[in-house]
Amino acid sequence: MWYLILANRRGVADPVFYDIGIYFYDDVANRRNVHLDVVTEDEKGFTSYECKYTKEAVGKRVVEEEEKATILALFPETGSVKMWMGKDTD
């Protein structure tokens, strides 16, 4: 997250964003939850970032799982959504 914050302050983030945070989604009814490591908001909308700490490249399956998690978080069918973007919102 700090890399993005510093790039944004220097004006080299593309696009430059005006908010950054972590996104949590809890779907109690289906017993699943989603955690997006970093989410930025700019004039076009939201961008999510995933952090993986590994020496090897992640496979296609991992990328597809993260895409599904992002879609679930942004378009929840049931459950409650909690998001932290520098402030608490419900």
PDB file of N, CA and C in Angstrom:
ATOM      1  N   MET A   1       0.825  -1.184   0.000  1.00  0.00           N
ATOM      2  CA  MET A   1       0.000   0.000   0.000  1.00  0.00           C
ATOM      3  C   MET A   1       0.877   1.259   0.000  1.00  0.00           C
ATOM      4  N   TRP A   2       1.973   1.226   0.747  1.00  0.00           N
ATOM      5  CA  TRP A   2       2.824   2.421   0.828  1.00  0.00           C
ATOM      6  C   TRP A   2       3.447   2.769  -0.509  1.00  0.00           C
ATOM      7  N   TYR A   3       3.742   1.768  -1.322  1.00  0.00           N
ATOM      8  CA  TYR A   3       4.265   2.041  -2.662  1.00  0.00           C
ATOM      9  C   TYR A   3       3.270   2.882  -3.450  1.00  0.00           C
ATOM     10  N   LEU A   4       1.997   2.498  -3.408  1.00  0.00           N
ATOM     11  CA  LEU A   4       0.970   3.251  -4.130  1.00  0.00           C
ATOM     12  C   LEU A   4       0.781   4.649  -3.563  1.00  0.00           C
ATOM     13  N   ILE A   5       0.802   4.768  -2.244  1.00  0.00           N
ATOM     14  CA  ILE A   5       0.649   6.078  -1.619  1.00  0.00           C
ATOM     15  C   ILE A   5       1.765   7.018  -2.048  1.00  0.00           C
ATOM     16  N   LEU A   6       3.007   6.528  -2.015  1.00  0.00           N
ATOM     17  CA  LEU A   6       4.138   7.367  -2.418  1.00  0.00           C
ATOM     18  C   LEU A   6       4.082   7.720  -3.900  1.00  0.00           C
ATOM     19  N   ALA A   7       3.717   6.741  -4.744  1.00  0.00           N
ATOM     20  CA  ALA A   7       3.596   7.017  -6.181  1.00  0.00           C
ATOM     21  C   ALA A   7       2.510   8.057  -6.430  1.00  0.00           C
ATOM     22  N   ASN A   8       1.423   7.969  -5.667  1.00  0.00           N
ATOM     23  CA  ASN A   8       0.333   8.928  -5.823  1.00  0.00           C
ATOM     24  C   ASN A   8       0.772  10.329  -5.405  1.00  0.00           C
ATOM     25  N   ARG A   9       1.493  10.426  -4.283  1.00  0.00           N
ATOM     26  CA  ARG A   9       1.976  11.734  -3.812  1.00  0.00           C
ATOM     27  C   ARG A   9       2.928  12.377  -4.807  1.00  0.00           C
ATOM     28  N   ARG A  10       3.699  11.540  -5.497  1.00  0.00           N
ATOM     29  CA  ARG A  10       4.644  12.064  -6.496  1.00  0.00           C
ATOM     30  C   ARG A  10       3.958  12.360  -7.829  1.00  0.00           C
ATOM     31  N   GLY A  11       2.692  11.960  -7.950  1.00  0.00           N
ATOM     32  CA  GLY A  11       1.951  12.200  -9.183  1.00  0.00           C
ATOM     33  C   GLY A  11       2.255  11.219 -10.287  1.00  0.00           C
ATOM     34  N   VAL A  12       2.880  10.086  -9.949  1.00  0.00           N
ATOM     35  CA  VAL A  12       3.218   9.100 -10.978  1.00  0.00           C
ATOM     36  C   VAL A  12       2.270   7.902 -10.982  1.00  0.00           C
ATOM     37  N   ALA A  13       1.331   7.840 -10.052  1.00  0.00           N
ATOM     38  CA  ALA A  13       0.322   6.775 -10.077  1.00  0.00           C
ATOM     39  C   ALA A  13      -0.586   7.017 -11.272  1.00  0.00           C
ATOM     40  N   ASP A  14      -0.985   5.951 -11.940  1.00  0.00           N
ATOM     41  CA  ASP A  14      -1.824   6.093 -13.123  1.00  0.00           C
ATOM     42  C   ASP A  14      -3.031   5.178 -13.007  1.00  0.00           C
ATOM     43  N   PRO A  15      -4.199   5.751 -12.760  1.00  0.00           N
ATOM     44  CA  PRO A  15      -4.492   7.165 -12.563  1.00  0.00           C
ATOM     45  C   PRO A  15      -4.212   7.599 -11.127  1.00  0.00           C
ATOM     46  N   VAL A  16      -4.061   8.892 -10.937  1.00  0.00           N
ATOM     47  CA  VAL A  16      -3.890   9.442  -9.597  1.00  0.00           C
ATOM     48  C   VAL A  16      -5.210   9.232  -8.849  1.00  0.00           C
ATOM     49  N   PHE A  17      -5.132   8.730  -7.623  1.00  0.00           N
ATOM     50  CA  PHE A  17      -6.345   8.424  -6.855  1.00  0.00           C
ATOM     51  C   PHE A  17      -6.505   9.389  -5.692  1.00  0.00           C
ATOM     52  N   TYR A  18      -7.724   9.470  -5.166  1.00  0.00           N
ATOM     53  CA  TYR A  18      -7.983  10.363  -4.044  1.00  0.00           C
ATOM     54  C   TYR A  18      -8.365   9.631  -2.773  1.00  0.00           C
ATOM     55  N   ASP A  19      -8.433   8.300  -2.798  1.00  0.00           N
ATOM     56  CA  ASP A  19      -8.687   7.539  -1.581  1.00  0.00           C
ATOM     57  C   ASP A  19      -8.062   6.158  -1.726  1.00  0.00           C
ATOM     58  N   ILE A  20      -7.628   5.588  -0.606  1.00  0.00           N
ATOM     59  CA  ILE A  20      -7.005   4.267  -0.607  1.00  0.00           C
ATOM     60  C   ILE A  20      -7.394   3.570   0.690  1.00  0.00           C
ATOM     61  N   GLY A  21      -7.571   2.261   0.622  1.00  0.00           N
ATOM     62  CA  GLY A  21      -7.941   1.526   1.826  1.00  0.00           C
ATOM     63  C   GLY A  21      -7.994   0.030   1.590  1.00  0.00           C
ATOM     64  N   ILE A  22      -8.655  -0.649   2.505  1.00  0.00           N
ATOM     65  CA  ILE A  22      -8.804  -2.099   2.493  1.00  0.00           C
ATOM     66  C   ILE A  22     -10.296  -2.396   2.439  1.00  0.00           C
ATOM     67  N   TYR A  23     -10.692  -3.420   1.687  1.00  0.00           N
ATOM     68  CA  TYR A  23     -12.108  -3.751   1.527  1.00  0.00           C
ATOM     69  C   TYR A  23     -12.381  -5.124   2.126  1.00  0.00           C
ATOM     70  N   PHE A  24     -13.409  -5.199   2.972  1.00  0.00           N
ATOM     71  CA  PHE A  24     -13.851  -6.464   3.566  1.00  0.00           C
ATOM     72  C   PHE A  24     -15.298  -6.704   3.176  1.00  0.00           C
ATOM     73  N   TYR A  25     -15.635  -7.940   2.855  1.00  0.00           N
ATOM     74  CA  TYR A  25     -17.009  -8.314   2.580  1.00  0.00           C
ATOM     75  C   TYR A  25     -17.313  -9.590   3.351  1.00  0.00           C
ATOM     76  N   ASP A  26     -18.359  -9.561   4.168  1.00  0.00           N
ATOM     77  CA  ASP A  26     -18.784 -10.732   4.931  1.00  0.00           C
ATOM     78  C   ASP A  26     -20.164 -11.146   4.469  1.00  0.00           C
ATOM     79  N   ASP A  27     -20.262 -12.347   3.895  1.00  0.00           N
ATOM     80  CA  ASP A  27     -21.527 -12.925   3.453  1.00  0.00           C
ATOM     81  C   ASP A  27     -21.902 -13.984   4.477  1.00  0.00           C
ATOM     82  N   VAL A  28     -22.631 -13.560   5.487  1.00  0.00           N
ATOM     83  CA  VAL A  28     -22.968 -14.440   6.603  1.00  0.00           C
ATOM     84  C   VAL A  28     -23.850 -15.587   6.138  1.00  0.00           C
ATOM     85  N   ALA A  29     -24.815 -15.311   5.276  1.00  0.00           N
ATOM     86  CA  ALA A  29     -25.755 -16.333   4.824  1.00  0.00           C
ATOM     87  C   ALA A  29     -25.061 -17.493   4.122  1.00  0.00           C
ATOM     88  N   ASN A  30     -24.031 -17.207   3.345  1.00  0.00           N
ATOM     89  CA  ASN A  30     -23.319 -18.258   2.596  1.00  0.00           C
ATOM     90  C   ASN A  30     -21.987 -18.644   3.230  1.00  0.00           C
ATOM     91  N   ARG A  31     -21.720 -18.115   4.420  1.00  0.00           N
ATOM     92  CA  ARG A  31     -20.512 -18.431   5.182  1.00  0.00           C
ATOM     93  C   ARG A  31     -19.232 -18.243   4.369  1.00  0.00           C
ATOM     94  N   ARG A  32     -19.089 -17.063   3.806  1.00  0.00           N
ATOM     95  CA  ARG A  32     -17.865 -16.736   3.063  1.00  0.00           C
ATOM     96  C   ARG A  32     -17.527 -15.275   3.307  1.00  0.00           C
ATOM     97  N   ASN A  33     -16.257 -14.970   3.176  1.00  0.00           N
ATOM     98  CA  ASN A  33     -15.838 -13.581   3.305  1.00  0.00           C
ATOM     99  C   ASN A  33     -14.739 -13.296   2.302  1.00  0.00           C
ATOM    100  N   VAL A  34     -14.594 -12.035   2.004  1.00  0.00           N
ATOM    101  CA  VAL A  34     -13.613 -11.581   1.017  1.00  0.00           C
ATOM    102  C   VAL A  34     -12.822 -10.445   1.627  1.00  0.00           C
ATOM    103  N   HIS A  35     -11.543 -10.449   1.370  1.00  0.00           N
ATOM    104  CA  HIS A  35     -10.654  -9.376   1.812  1.00  0.00           C
ATOM    105  C   HIS A  35      -9.835  -8.945   0.610  1.00  0.00           C
ATOM    106  N   LEU A  36     -10.024  -7.707   0.168  1.00  0.00           N
ATOM    107  CA  LEU A  36      -9.206  -7.154  -0.904  1.00  0.00           C
ATOM    108  C   LEU A  36      -8.090  -6.361  -0.243  1.00  0.00           C
ATOM    109  N   ASP A  37      -6.850  -6.701  -0.570  1.00  0.00           N
ATOM    110  CA  ASP A  37      -5.698  -6.131   0.120  1.00  0.00           C
ATOM    111  C   ASP A  37      -5.625  -4.613   0.026  1.00  0.00           C
ATOM    112  N   VAL A  38      -5.803  -4.075  -1.165  1.00  0.00           N
ATOM    113  CA  VAL A  38      -5.739  -2.622  -1.361  1.00  0.00           C
ATOM    114  C   VAL A  38      -6.776  -2.235  -2.413  1.00  0.00           C
ATOM    115  N   VAL A  39      -7.503  -1.152  -2.149  1.00  0.00           N
ATOM    116  CA  VAL A  39      -8.469  -0.606  -3.099  1.00  0.00           C
ATOM    117  C   VAL A  39      -8.225   0.895  -3.187  1.00  0.00           C
ATOM    118  N   THR A  40      -8.141   1.398  -4.408  1.00  0.00           N
ATOM    119  CA  THR A  40      -8.015   2.840  -4.603  1.00  0.00           C
ATOM    120  C   THR A  40      -9.264   3.350  -5.311  1.00  0.00           C
ATOM    121  N   GLU A  41      -9.559   4.625  -5.092  1.00  0.00           N
ATOM    122  CA  GLU A  41     -10.691   5.259  -5.765  1.00  0.00           C
ATOM    123  C   GLU A  41     -10.181   6.491  -6.502  1.00  0.00           C
ATOM    124  N   ASP A  42     -10.561   6.594  -7.769  1.00  0.00           N
ATOM    125  CA  ASP A  42     -10.203   7.755  -8.579  1.00  0.00           C
ATOM    126  C   ASP A  42     -11.448   8.226  -9.319  1.00  0.00           C
ATOM    127  N   GLU A  43     -11.283   9.156 -10.240  1.00  0.00           N
ATOM    128  CA  GLU A  43     -12.444   9.703 -10.941  1.00  0.00           C
ATOM    129  C   GLU A  43     -13.167   8.670 -11.797  1.00  0.00           C
ATOM    130  N   LYS A  44     -12.519   7.570 -12.136  1.00  0.00           N
ATOM    131  CA  LYS A  44     -13.139   6.526 -12.954  1.00  0.00           C
ATOM    132  C   LYS A  44     -13.835   5.452 -12.118  1.00  0.00           C
ATOM    133  N   GLY A  45     -13.511   5.368 -10.830  1.00  0.00           N
ATOM    134  CA  GLY A  45     -14.103   4.333  -9.979  1.00  0.00           C
ATOM    135  C   GLY A  45     -13.072   3.709  -9.069  1.00  0.00           C
ATOM    136  N   PHE A  46     -13.202   2.404  -8.856  1.00  0.00           N
ATOM    137  CA  PHE A  46     -12.346   1.679  -7.927  1.00  0.00           C
ATOM    138  C   PHE A  46     -11.393   0.747  -8.666  1.00  0.00           C
ATOM    139  N   THR A  47     -10.195   0.574  -8.096  1.00  0.00           N
ATOM    140  CA  THR A  47      -9.223  -0.403  -8.581  1.00  0.00           C
ATOM    141  C   THR A  47      -8.785  -1.230  -7.385  1.00  0.00           C
ATOM    142  N   SER A  48      -8.797  -2.567  -7.547  1.00  0.00           N
ATOM    143  CA  SER A  48      -8.366  -3.425  -6.442  1.00  0.00           C
ATOM    144  C   SER A  48      -7.008  -4.036  -6.767  1.00  0.00           C
ATOM    145  N   TYR A  49      -6.220  -4.238  -5.718  1.00  0.00           N
ATOM    146  CA  TYR A  49      -4.873  -4.795  -5.828  1.00  0.00           C
ATOM    147  C   TYR A  49      -4.767  -5.967  -4.867  1.00  0.00           C
ATOM    148  N   GLU A  50      -4.092  -7.004  -5.264  1.00  0.00           N
ATOM    149  CA  GLU A  50      -3.876  -8.171  -4.418  1.00  0.00           C
ATOM    150  C   GLU A  50      -2.376  -8.337  -4.196  1.00  0.00           C
ATOM    151  N   CYS A  51      -1.992  -8.613  -2.961  1.00  0.00           N
ATOM    152  CA  CYS A  51      -0.584  -8.809  -2.625  1.00  0.00           C
ATOM    153  C   CYS A  51      -0.338 -10.288  -2.357  1.00  0.00           C
ATOM    154  N   LYS A  52       0.621 -10.856  -3.051  1.00  0.00           N
ATOM    155  CA  LYS A  52       1.030 -12.242  -2.825  1.00  0.00           C
ATOM    156  C   LYS A  52       2.526 -12.232  -2.520  1.00  0.00           C
ATOM    157  N   TYR A  53       2.897 -12.886  -1.446  1.00  0.00           N
ATOM    158  CA  TYR A  53       4.299 -12.939  -1.035  1.00  0.00           C
ATOM    159  C   TYR A  53       4.842 -14.314  -1.355  1.00  0.00           C
ATOM    160  N   THR A  54       5.424 -14.448  -2.532  1.00  0.00           N
ATOM    161  CA  THR A  54       5.959 -15.716  -2.992  1.00  0.00           C
ATOM    162  C   THR A  54       7.129 -15.458  -3.929  1.00  0.00           C
ATOM    163  N   LYS A  55       7.999 -16.420  -4.027  1.00  0.00           N
ATOM    164  CA  LYS A  55       9.142 -16.296  -4.932  1.00  0.00           C
ATOM    165  C   LYS A  55       8.772 -16.707  -6.349  1.00  0.00           C
ATOM    166  N   GLU A  56       7.634 -17.375  -6.510  1.00  0.00           N
ATOM    167  CA  GLU A  56       7.222 -17.893  -7.809  1.00  0.00           C
ATOM    168  C   GLU A  56       6.010 -17.121  -8.326  1.00  0.00           C
ATOM    169  N   ALA A  57       5.847 -17.134  -9.618  1.00  0.00           N
ATOM    170  CA  ALA A  57       4.681 -16.490 -10.219  1.00  0.00           C
ATOM    171  C   ALA A  57       3.415 -17.246  -9.808  1.00  0.00           C
ATOM    172  N   VAL A  58       2.341 -16.502  -9.615  1.00  0.00           N
ATOM    173  CA  VAL A  58       1.074 -17.158  -9.290  1.00  0.00           C
ATOM    174  C   VAL A  58       0.458 -17.707 -10.571  1.00  0.00           C
ATOM    175  N   GLY A  59      -0.287 -18.763 -10.436  1.00  0.00           N
ATOM    176  CA  GLY A  59      -0.905 -19.394 -11.593  1.00  0.00           C
ATOM    177  C   GLY A  59      -2.210 -18.744 -11.998  1.00  0.00           C
ATOM    178  N   LYS A  60      -2.730 -19.181 -13.112  1.00  0.00           N
ATOM    179  CA  LYS A  60      -3.985 -18.653 -13.647  1.00  0.00           C
ATOM    180  C   LYS A  60      -5.134 -18.885 -12.673  1.00  0.00           C
ATOM    181  N   ARG A  61      -5.115 -20.020 -11.974  1.00  0.00           N
ATOM    182  CA  ARG A  61      -6.173 -20.347 -11.019  1.00  0.00           C
ATOM    183  C   ARG A  61      -6.248 -19.297  -9.908  1.00  0.00           C
ATOM    184  N   VAL A  62      -5.097 -18.879  -9.399  1.00  0.00           N
ATOM    185  CA  VAL A  62      -5.060 -17.864  -8.337  1.00  0.00           C
ATOM    186  C   VAL A  62      -5.627 -16.541  -8.845  1.00  0.00           C
ATOM    187  N   VAL A  63      -5.263 -16.163 -10.059  1.00  0.00           N
ATOM    188  CA  VAL A  63      -5.772 -14.924 -10.651  1.00  0.00           C
ATOM    189  C   VAL A  63      -7.293 -15.005 -10.807  1.00  0.00           C
ATOM    190  N   GLU A  64      -7.800 -16.138 -11.280  1.00  0.00           N
ATOM    191  CA  GLU A  64      -9.248 -16.312 -11.450  1.00  0.00           C
ATOM    192  C   GLU A  64      -9.972 -16.258 -10.107  1.00  0.00           C
ATOM    193  N   GLU A  65      -9.384 -16.843  -9.062  1.00  0.00           N
ATOM    194  CA  GLU A  65      -9.988 -16.791  -7.727  1.00  0.00           C
ATOM    195  C   GLU A  65     -10.063 -15.361  -7.210  1.00  0.00           C
ATOM    196  N   GLU A  66      -9.017 -14.579  -7.441  1.00  0.00           N
ATOM    197  CA  GLU A  66      -9.009 -13.183  -7.004  1.00  0.00           C
ATOM    198  C   GLU A  66     -10.031 -12.361  -7.780  1.00  0.00           C
ATOM    199  N   GLU A  67     -10.177 -12.633  -9.065  1.00  0.00           N
ATOM    200  CA  GLU A  67     -11.188 -11.944  -9.856  1.00  0.00           C
ATOM    201  C   GLU A  67     -12.585 -12.250  -9.329  1.00  0.00           C
ATOM    202  N   LYS A  68     -12.854 -13.509  -9.008  1.00  0.00           N
ATOM    203  CA  LYS A  68     -14.148 -13.897  -8.444  1.00  0.00           C
ATOM    204  C   LYS A  68     -14.392 -13.188  -7.117  1.00  0.00           C
ATOM    205  N   ALA A  69     -13.370 -13.124  -6.283  1.00  0.00           N
ATOM    206  CA  ALA A  69     -13.498 -12.462  -4.984  1.00  0.00           C
ATOM    207  C   ALA A  69     -13.816 -10.983  -5.159  1.00  0.00           C
ATOM    208  N   THR A  70     -13.186 -10.338  -6.126  1.00  0.00           N
ATOM    209  CA  THR A  70     -13.441  -8.922  -6.377  1.00  0.00           C
ATOM    210  C   THR A  70     -14.874  -8.708  -6.850  1.00  0.00           C
ATOM    211  N   ILE A  71     -15.332  -9.550  -7.754  1.00  0.00           N
ATOM    212  CA  ILE A  71     -16.713  -9.437  -8.243  1.00  0.00           C
ATOM    213  C   ILE A  71     -17.692  -9.668  -7.103  1.00  0.00           C
ATOM    214  N   LEU A  72     -17.434 -10.663  -6.266  1.00  0.00           N
ATOM    215  CA  LEU A  72     -18.297 -10.925  -5.116  1.00  0.00           C
ATOM    216  C   LEU A  72     -18.343  -9.724  -4.185  1.00  0.00           C
ATOM    217  N   ALA A  73     -17.211  -9.107  -3.963  1.00  0.00           N
ATOM    218  CA  ALA A  73     -17.151  -7.958  -3.056  1.00  0.00           C
ATOM    219  C   ALA A  73     -17.872  -6.743  -3.638  1.00  0.00           C
ATOM    220  N   LEU A  74     -17.747  -6.532  -4.937  1.00  0.00           N
ATOM    221  CA  LEU A  74     -18.339  -5.346  -5.551  1.00  0.00           C
ATOM    222  C   LEU A  74     -19.813  -5.519  -5.885  1.00  0.00           C
ATOM    223  N   PHE A  75     -20.237  -6.770  -6.098  1.00  0.00           N
ATOM    224  CA  PHE A  75     -21.632  -7.050  -6.460  1.00  0.00           C
ATOM    225  C   PHE A  75     -22.198  -8.154  -5.575  1.00  0.00           C
ATOM    226  N   PRO A  76     -22.292  -7.911  -4.281  1.00  0.00           N
ATOM    227  CA  PRO A  76     -22.770  -8.951  -3.369  1.00  0.00           C
ATOM    228  C   PRO A  76     -24.254  -9.242  -3.575  1.00  0.00           C
ATOM    229  N   GLU A  77     -24.598 -10.512  -3.522  1.00  0.00           N
ATOM    230  CA  GLU A  77     -26.006 -10.897  -3.646  1.00  0.00           C
ATOM    231  C   GLU A  77     -26.685 -10.913  -2.283  1.00  0.00           C
ATOM    232  N   THR A  78     -25.936 -11.298  -1.257  1.00  0.00           N
ATOM    233  CA  THR A  78     -26.492 -11.347   0.090  1.00  0.00           C
ATOM    234  C   THR A  78     -25.412 -10.951   1.075  1.00  0.00           C
ATOM    235  N   GLY A  79     -25.801 -10.791   2.331  1.00  0.00           N
ATOM    236  CA  GLY A  79     -24.824 -10.509   3.372  1.00  0.00           C
ATOM    237  C   GLY A  79     -24.662  -9.028   3.612  1.00  0.00           C
ATOM    238  N   SER A  80     -23.681  -8.708   4.406  1.00  0.00           N
ATOM    239  CA  SER A  80     -23.428  -7.310   4.728  1.00  0.00           C
ATOM    240  C   SER A  80     -22.081  -6.901   4.162  1.00  0.00           C
ATOM    241  N   VAL A  81     -21.972  -5.658   3.801  1.00  0.00           N
ATOM    242  CA  VAL A  81     -20.736  -5.137   3.235  1.00  0.00           C
ATOM    243  C   VAL A  81     -20.142  -4.134   4.207  1.00  0.00           C
ATOM    244  N   LYS A  82     -18.858  -4.281   4.485  1.00  0.00           N
ATOM    245  CA  LYS A  82     -18.155  -3.311   5.305  1.00  0.00           C
ATOM    246  C   LYS A  82     -16.932  -2.873   4.510  1.00  0.00           C
ATOM    247  N   MET A  83     -16.719  -1.598   4.459  1.00  0.00           N
ATOM    248  CA  MET A  83     -15.598  -1.092   3.692  1.00  0.00           C
ATOM    249  C   MET A  83     -14.882  -0.037   4.509  1.00  0.00           C
ATOM    250  N   TRP A  84     -13.573  -0.099   4.507  1.00  0.00           N
ATOM    251  CA  TRP A  84     -12.766   0.931   5.141  1.00  0.00           C
ATOM    252  C   TRP A  84     -11.980   1.641   4.059  1.00  0.00           C
ATOM    253  N   MET A  85     -12.228   2.923   3.903  1.00  0.00           N
ATOM    254  CA  MET A  85     -11.493   3.734   2.937  1.00  0.00           C
ATOM    255  C   MET A  85     -11.021   4.995   3.658  1.00  0.00           C
ATOM    256  N   GLY A  86     -10.377   4.802   4.798  1.00  0.00           N
ATOM    257  CA  GLY A  86      -9.942   5.931   5.575  1.00  0.00           C
ATOM    258  C   GLY A  86     -11.025   6.414   6.524  1.00  0.00           C
ATOM    259  N   LYS A  87     -12.190   5.782   6.456  1.00  0.00           N
ATOM    260  CA  LYS A  87     -13.316   6.112   7.331  1.00  0.00           C
ATOM    261  C   LYS A  87     -14.226   4.888   7.391  1.00  0.00           C
ATOM    262  N   ASP A  88     -15.062   4.775   8.403  1.00  0.00           N
ATOM    263  CA  ASP A  88     -15.984   3.662   8.521  1.00  0.00           C
ATOM    264  C   ASP A  88     -17.273   3.978   7.797  1.00  0.00           C
ATOM    265  N   THR A  89     -17.728   3.023   6.975  1.00  0.00           N
ATOM    266  CA  THR A  89     -19.007   3.178   6.291  1.00  0.00           C
ATOM    267  C   THR A  89     -19.744   1.866   6.347  1.00  0.00           C
ATOM    268  N   ASP A  90     -21.050   1.911   6.284  1.00  0.00           N
ATOM    269  CA  ASP A  90     -21.890   0.702   6.204  1.00  0.00           C
ATOM    270  C   ASP A  90     -22.738   0.738   4.951  1.00  0.00           C
TER     271      ASP A  90
END
